[in-house]
Amino acid sequence: MQIRICSYLLALFSGLAALSVLAGCKSLPPSKAESEWTPEEAQGAQVFHQACAKCHYPTSTHGLHGPGLQAITKIKAMPSGAPPTDERLTAVILHGHGTMPGTTLDDQQMHDLLAYLHTL
């Protein structure tokens, strides 16, 4: 009887913990509609598809070979734990991080890519 009560309490607390985690989850803001992109954002989307899309989904948090990037500029911290400032994003893109290799982009490509990342 005592084991059954303990099992019941454990299941109850586990359920409450899971519920509190789900209640704390917030949906991410939607991406900007493609029809509303500026020319820089559209160019940045092209840069993304050429240099980043083989490893990252742009409008999902699910990973491909690297993390999904939905709302990457709108969250408090990137998967690495660092804040998603333009400076930090630039450093990660150009120099890599962990298993992500660095990417060679000129200043205009980087500017456009950052503009696009802000639409996600």
N, C-alpha and C. Protein backbone atom coordinates (compact mmCIF):
# COMPACT_ATOMS: atom_id res chain seq x y z
N MET A 1 0.82 -1.20 0.00
CA MET A 1 0.00 0.00 0.00
C MET A 1 0.87 1.26 0.00
N GLN A 2 1.92 1.28 0.81
CA GLN A 2 2.79 2.44 0.91
C GLN A 2 3.52 2.67 -0.42
N ILE A 3 3.94 1.60 -1.07
CA ILE A 3 4.61 1.72 -2.36
C ILE A 3 3.65 2.29 -3.40
N ARG A 4 2.38 1.87 -3.36
CA ARG A 4 1.39 2.36 -4.30
C ARG A 4 1.16 3.86 -4.10
N ILE A 5 1.09 4.33 -2.86
CA ILE A 5 0.90 5.75 -2.58
C ILE A 5 2.12 6.55 -3.06
N CYS A 6 3.32 6.03 -2.80
CA CYS A 6 4.53 6.71 -3.25
C CYS A 6 4.55 6.79 -4.77
N SER A 7 4.16 5.73 -5.44
CA SER A 7 4.12 5.73 -6.91
C SER A 7 3.11 6.75 -7.40
N TYR A 8 1.96 6.81 -6.73
CA TYR A 8 0.93 7.77 -7.11
C TYR A 8 1.44 9.21 -6.93
N LEU A 9 2.08 9.49 -5.78
CA LEU A 9 2.60 10.83 -5.53
C LEU A 9 3.69 11.20 -6.53
N LEU A 10 4.56 10.24 -6.85
CA LEU A 10 5.61 10.49 -7.83
C LEU A 10 5.01 10.82 -9.19
N ALA A 11 3.99 10.07 -9.59
CA ALA A 11 3.33 10.33 -10.87
C ALA A 11 2.64 11.70 -10.85
N LEU A 12 2.01 12.04 -9.73
CA LEU A 12 1.32 13.33 -9.61
C LEU A 12 2.31 14.48 -9.71
N PHE A 13 3.42 14.40 -8.97
CA PHE A 13 4.42 15.46 -9.01
C PHE A 13 5.09 15.55 -10.39
N SER A 14 5.32 14.41 -11.01
CA SER A 14 5.89 14.41 -12.35
C SER A 14 4.94 15.09 -13.33
N GLY A 15 3.67 14.79 -13.21
CA GLY A 15 2.67 15.42 -14.08
C GLY A 15 2.58 16.91 -13.85
N LEU A 16 2.62 17.33 -12.59
CA LEU A 16 2.58 18.75 -12.28
C LEU A 16 3.83 19.46 -12.80
N ALA A 17 4.97 18.81 -12.68
CA ALA A 17 6.21 19.40 -13.20
C ALA A 17 6.13 19.56 -14.71
N ALA A 18 5.63 18.53 -15.40
CA ALA A 18 5.50 18.61 -16.85
C ALA A 18 4.51 19.71 -17.24
N LEU A 19 3.43 19.84 -16.52
CA LEU A 19 2.43 20.86 -16.79
C LEU A 19 3.02 22.25 -16.60
N SER A 20 3.81 22.43 -15.54
CA SER A 20 4.41 23.75 -15.31
C SER A 20 5.41 24.09 -16.40
N VAL A 21 6.13 23.10 -16.90
CA VAL A 21 7.06 23.34 -18.01
C VAL A 21 6.29 23.75 -19.25
N LEU A 22 5.21 23.04 -19.55
CA LEU A 22 4.40 23.38 -20.73
C LEU A 22 3.75 24.74 -20.59
N ALA A 23 3.31 25.08 -19.39
CA ALA A 23 2.68 26.38 -19.17
C ALA A 23 3.71 27.49 -19.35
N GLY A 24 4.96 27.21 -19.04
CA GLY A 24 6.01 28.21 -19.18
C GLY A 24 6.49 28.37 -20.61
N CYS A 25 6.15 27.44 -21.49
CA CYS A 25 6.58 27.53 -22.89
C CYS A 25 5.78 28.61 -23.59
N LYS A 26 6.47 29.42 -24.34
CA LYS A 26 5.81 30.46 -25.10
C LYS A 26 6.08 30.21 -26.57
N SER A 27 5.09 30.48 -27.40
CA SER A 27 5.32 30.32 -28.82
C SER A 27 6.21 31.46 -29.30
N LEU A 28 7.02 31.16 -30.29
CA LEU A 28 7.92 32.16 -30.82
C LEU A 28 7.17 33.09 -31.77
N PRO A 29 7.62 34.34 -31.89
CA PRO A 29 6.94 35.23 -32.82
C PRO A 29 7.07 34.73 -34.25
N PRO A 30 6.08 35.02 -35.07
CA PRO A 30 6.13 34.54 -36.46
C PRO A 30 7.21 35.28 -37.25
N SER A 31 7.65 34.64 -38.30
CA SER A 31 8.61 35.26 -39.22
C SER A 31 7.90 36.33 -40.03
N LYS A 32 8.64 37.31 -40.48
CA LYS A 32 8.10 38.36 -41.34
C LYS A 32 7.73 37.74 -42.68
N ALA A 33 6.61 38.12 -43.21
CA ALA A 33 6.16 37.58 -44.50
C ALA A 33 7.12 37.99 -45.61
N GLU A 34 7.42 37.06 -46.50
CA GLU A 34 8.34 37.32 -47.61
C GLU A 34 7.88 38.51 -48.44
N SER A 35 6.58 38.69 -48.58
CA SER A 35 6.05 39.81 -49.37
C SER A 35 6.37 41.16 -48.73
N GLU A 36 6.79 41.18 -47.47
CA GLU A 36 7.11 42.42 -46.76
C GLU A 36 8.61 42.67 -46.63
N TRP A 37 9.43 41.78 -47.19
CA TRP A 37 10.88 41.93 -47.07
C TRP A 37 11.38 43.16 -47.80
N THR A 38 12.40 43.78 -47.23
CA THR A 38 13.12 44.86 -47.91
C THR A 38 14.07 44.22 -48.92
N PRO A 39 14.66 45.01 -49.83
CA PRO A 39 15.64 44.44 -50.76
C PRO A 39 16.82 43.78 -50.02
N GLU A 40 17.27 44.38 -48.91
CA GLU A 40 18.38 43.79 -48.14
C GLU A 40 17.98 42.44 -47.55
N GLU A 41 16.77 42.35 -47.04
CA GLU A 41 16.29 41.08 -46.47
C GLU A 41 16.18 40.01 -47.55
N ALA A 42 15.69 40.39 -48.74
CA ALA A 42 15.59 39.43 -49.85
C ALA A 42 16.98 38.96 -50.28
N GLN A 43 17.94 39.87 -50.35
CA GLN A 43 19.32 39.48 -50.67
C GLN A 43 19.88 38.59 -49.58
N GLY A 44 19.57 38.91 -48.33
CA GLY A 44 20.02 38.09 -47.21
C GLY A 44 19.46 36.68 -47.26
N ALA A 45 18.21 36.55 -47.72
CA ALA A 45 17.62 35.21 -47.88
C ALA A 45 18.41 34.41 -48.90
N GLN A 46 18.85 35.06 -49.97
CA GLN A 46 19.66 34.36 -50.97
C GLN A 46 21.00 33.93 -50.38
N VAL A 47 21.62 34.82 -49.60
CA VAL A 47 22.88 34.47 -48.94
C VAL A 47 22.65 33.28 -48.01
N PHE A 48 21.56 33.33 -47.25
CA PHE A 48 21.24 32.24 -46.33
C PHE A 48 21.11 30.92 -47.08
N HIS A 49 20.37 30.93 -48.16
CA HIS A 49 20.14 29.68 -48.90
C HIS A 49 21.42 29.14 -49.54
N GLN A 50 22.33 30.03 -49.90
CA GLN A 50 23.60 29.59 -50.47
C GLN A 50 24.59 29.12 -49.41
N ALA A 51 24.62 29.79 -48.27
CA ALA A 51 25.68 29.53 -47.29
C ALA A 51 25.24 28.82 -46.02
N CYS A 52 23.96 28.86 -45.69
CA CYS A 52 23.52 28.39 -44.37
C CYS A 52 22.47 27.28 -44.40
N ALA A 53 21.66 27.24 -45.46
CA ALA A 53 20.49 26.35 -45.49
C ALA A 53 20.85 24.86 -45.48
N LYS A 54 22.08 24.53 -45.87
CA LYS A 54 22.44 23.11 -45.87
C LYS A 54 22.56 22.57 -44.42
N CYS A 55 22.65 23.47 -43.46
CA CYS A 55 22.78 23.05 -42.06
C CYS A 55 21.69 23.59 -41.13
N HIS A 56 20.99 24.64 -41.53
CA HIS A 56 20.01 25.29 -40.64
C HIS A 56 18.67 25.48 -41.32
N TYR A 57 17.58 25.13 -40.60
CA TYR A 57 16.24 25.50 -41.06
C TYR A 57 16.00 26.94 -40.65
N PRO A 58 15.47 27.78 -41.54
CA PRO A 58 15.26 29.17 -41.16
C PRO A 58 14.01 29.42 -40.33
N THR A 59 12.95 28.69 -40.56
CA THR A 59 11.68 28.99 -39.87
C THR A 59 11.21 27.84 -39.00
N SER A 60 12.15 27.21 -38.35
CA SER A 60 11.86 26.12 -37.43
C SER A 60 12.93 26.13 -36.34
N THR A 61 12.57 25.64 -35.18
CA THR A 61 13.57 25.49 -34.12
C THR A 61 14.18 24.09 -34.16
N HIS A 62 13.65 23.24 -35.03
CA HIS A 62 14.19 21.88 -35.16
C HIS A 62 15.53 21.94 -35.89
N GLY A 63 16.46 21.15 -35.43
CA GLY A 63 17.78 21.15 -36.03
C GLY A 63 17.85 20.33 -37.30
N LEU A 64 18.77 20.69 -38.14
CA LEU A 64 19.12 19.92 -39.33
C LEU A 64 20.50 19.33 -39.01
N HIS A 65 21.55 19.99 -39.39
CA HIS A 65 22.90 19.63 -38.92
C HIS A 65 23.32 20.61 -37.83
N GLY A 66 22.70 21.77 -37.83
CA GLY A 66 22.85 22.78 -36.80
C GLY A 66 21.46 23.16 -36.33
N PRO A 67 21.36 24.01 -35.32
CA PRO A 67 20.03 24.35 -34.78
C PRO A 67 19.16 25.11 -35.78
N GLY A 68 17.85 24.95 -35.63
CA GLY A 68 16.92 25.76 -36.40
C GLY A 68 17.01 27.20 -35.93
N LEU A 69 16.76 28.14 -36.81
CA LEU A 69 17.02 29.55 -36.50
C LEU A 69 15.78 30.41 -36.37
N GLN A 70 14.61 29.80 -36.27
CA GLN A 70 13.39 30.60 -36.10
C GLN A 70 13.55 31.52 -34.90
N ALA A 71 13.28 32.79 -35.09
CA ALA A 71 13.31 33.82 -34.05
C ALA A 71 14.68 33.97 -33.39
N ILE A 72 15.76 33.64 -34.11
CA ILE A 72 17.10 33.66 -33.52
C ILE A 72 17.45 35.04 -32.97
N THR A 73 16.97 36.11 -33.58
CA THR A 73 17.30 37.45 -33.07
C THR A 73 16.31 37.94 -32.03
N LYS A 74 15.27 37.16 -31.76
CA LYS A 74 14.23 37.59 -30.83
C LYS A 74 14.27 36.84 -29.50
N ILE A 75 15.14 35.84 -29.39
CA ILE A 75 15.23 35.07 -28.17
C ILE A 75 16.32 35.67 -27.27
N LYS A 76 16.32 35.28 -25.99
CA LYS A 76 17.29 35.83 -25.04
C LYS A 76 18.69 35.27 -25.25
N ALA A 77 18.77 34.01 -25.68
CA ALA A 77 20.08 33.38 -25.86
C ALA A 77 20.04 32.40 -27.01
N MET A 78 21.16 32.35 -27.73
CA MET A 78 21.32 31.38 -28.81
C MET A 78 21.56 30.00 -28.19
N PRO A 79 21.55 28.93 -28.99
CA PRO A 79 21.82 27.60 -28.44
C PRO A 79 23.14 27.53 -27.66
N SER A 80 24.10 28.37 -28.00
CA SER A 80 25.38 28.39 -27.28
C SER A 80 25.25 29.05 -25.91
N GLY A 81 24.15 29.76 -25.66
CA GLY A 81 23.96 30.48 -24.42
C GLY A 81 24.26 31.96 -24.54
N ALA A 82 24.91 32.37 -25.62
CA ALA A 82 25.27 33.77 -25.82
C ALA A 82 24.06 34.56 -26.32
N PRO A 83 23.98 35.84 -25.99
CA PRO A 83 22.87 36.65 -26.51
C PRO A 83 23.00 36.82 -28.02
N PRO A 84 21.87 36.88 -28.73
CA PRO A 84 21.92 36.94 -30.19
C PRO A 84 22.08 38.36 -30.74
N THR A 85 23.13 39.05 -30.34
CA THR A 85 23.38 40.38 -30.88
C THR A 85 23.94 40.24 -32.30
N ASP A 86 23.84 41.30 -33.07
CA ASP A 86 24.41 41.28 -34.43
C ASP A 86 25.91 40.99 -34.38
N GLU A 87 26.59 41.54 -33.38
CA GLU A 87 28.03 41.32 -33.25
C GLU A 87 28.33 39.84 -32.99
N ARG A 88 27.57 39.23 -32.10
CA ARG A 88 27.79 37.81 -31.78
C ARG A 88 27.42 36.93 -32.97
N LEU A 89 26.31 37.22 -33.62
CA LEU A 89 25.92 36.44 -34.81
C LEU A 89 26.99 36.55 -35.89
N THR A 90 27.51 37.76 -36.09
CA THR A 90 28.56 37.96 -37.09
C THR A 90 29.79 37.14 -36.75
N ALA A 91 30.19 37.16 -35.48
CA ALA A 91 31.38 36.40 -35.06
C ALA A 91 31.17 34.90 -35.29
N VAL A 92 30.01 34.39 -34.94
CA VAL A 92 29.73 32.96 -35.12
C VAL A 92 29.71 32.61 -36.60
N ILE A 93 29.08 33.45 -37.41
CA ILE A 93 28.99 33.17 -38.85
C ILE A 93 30.37 33.19 -39.50
N LEU A 94 31.16 34.20 -39.18
CA LEU A 94 32.47 34.35 -39.83
C LEU A 94 33.52 33.39 -39.29
N HIS A 95 33.50 33.13 -37.98
CA HIS A 95 34.56 32.34 -37.36
C HIS A 95 34.13 30.93 -36.95
N GLY A 96 32.82 30.67 -36.99
CA GLY A 96 32.32 29.37 -36.57
C GLY A 96 32.21 29.26 -35.07
N HIS A 97 31.63 28.15 -34.63
CA HIS A 97 31.48 27.87 -33.20
C HIS A 97 31.21 26.38 -33.04
N GLY A 98 31.96 25.72 -32.18
CA GLY A 98 31.78 24.28 -32.01
C GLY A 98 32.04 23.56 -33.31
N THR A 99 31.06 22.81 -33.78
CA THR A 99 31.22 22.06 -35.03
C THR A 99 30.86 22.89 -36.26
N MET A 100 30.37 24.11 -36.05
CA MET A 100 30.02 24.96 -37.19
C MET A 100 31.28 25.62 -37.74
N PRO A 101 31.56 25.43 -39.02
CA PRO A 101 32.73 26.10 -39.61
C PRO A 101 32.42 27.57 -39.88
N GLY A 102 33.46 28.35 -39.98
CA GLY A 102 33.29 29.75 -40.36
C GLY A 102 32.86 29.85 -41.81
N THR A 103 32.24 30.97 -42.16
CA THR A 103 31.75 31.21 -43.52
C THR A 103 32.36 32.50 -44.04
N THR A 104 32.85 32.48 -45.25
CA THR A 104 33.44 33.68 -45.84
C THR A 104 32.35 34.50 -46.52
N LEU A 105 32.10 35.69 -45.98
CA LEU A 105 31.13 36.61 -46.57
C LEU A 105 31.75 37.99 -46.59
N ASP A 106 31.41 38.78 -47.62
CA ASP A 106 31.88 40.17 -47.62
C ASP A 106 30.94 41.00 -46.74
N ASP A 107 31.28 42.26 -46.55
CA ASP A 107 30.51 43.12 -45.66
C ASP A 107 29.05 43.26 -46.09
N GLN A 108 28.82 43.40 -47.40
CA GLN A 108 27.44 43.54 -47.88
C GLN A 108 26.65 42.26 -47.66
N GLN A 109 27.23 41.12 -47.95
CA GLN A 109 26.55 39.84 -47.72
C GLN A 109 26.20 39.68 -46.24
N MET A 110 27.14 40.03 -45.36
CA MET A 110 26.88 39.91 -43.93
C MET A 110 25.76 40.86 -43.51
N HIS A 111 25.79 42.08 -44.00
CA HIS A 111 24.73 43.05 -43.70
C HIS A 111 23.37 42.50 -44.13
N ASP A 112 23.31 41.99 -45.34
CA ASP A 112 22.05 41.46 -45.87
C ASP A 112 21.61 40.22 -45.09
N LEU A 113 22.56 39.34 -44.77
CA LEU A 113 22.22 38.12 -44.02
C LEU A 113 21.67 38.49 -42.65
N LEU A 114 22.28 39.43 -41.97
CA LEU A 114 21.76 39.85 -40.66
C LEU A 114 20.36 40.45 -40.80
N ALA A 115 20.13 41.23 -41.86
CA ALA A 115 18.79 41.78 -42.09
C ALA A 115 17.78 40.64 -42.24
N TYR A 116 18.16 39.61 -42.99
CA TYR A 116 17.28 38.44 -43.18
C TYR A 116 17.05 37.71 -41.86
N LEU A 117 18.12 37.50 -41.10
CA LEU A 117 17.96 36.79 -39.82
C LEU A 117 16.99 37.51 -38.89
N HIS A 118 16.91 38.82 -39.00
CA HIS A 118 15.96 39.59 -38.18
C HIS A 118 14.52 39.37 -38.63
N THR A 119 14.31 38.82 -39.82
CA THR A 119 12.94 38.54 -40.28
C THR A 119 12.42 37.21 -39.76
N LEU A 120 13.33 36.36 -39.30
CA LEU A 120 12.94 35.01 -38.88
C LEU A 120 12.17 35.01 -37.57
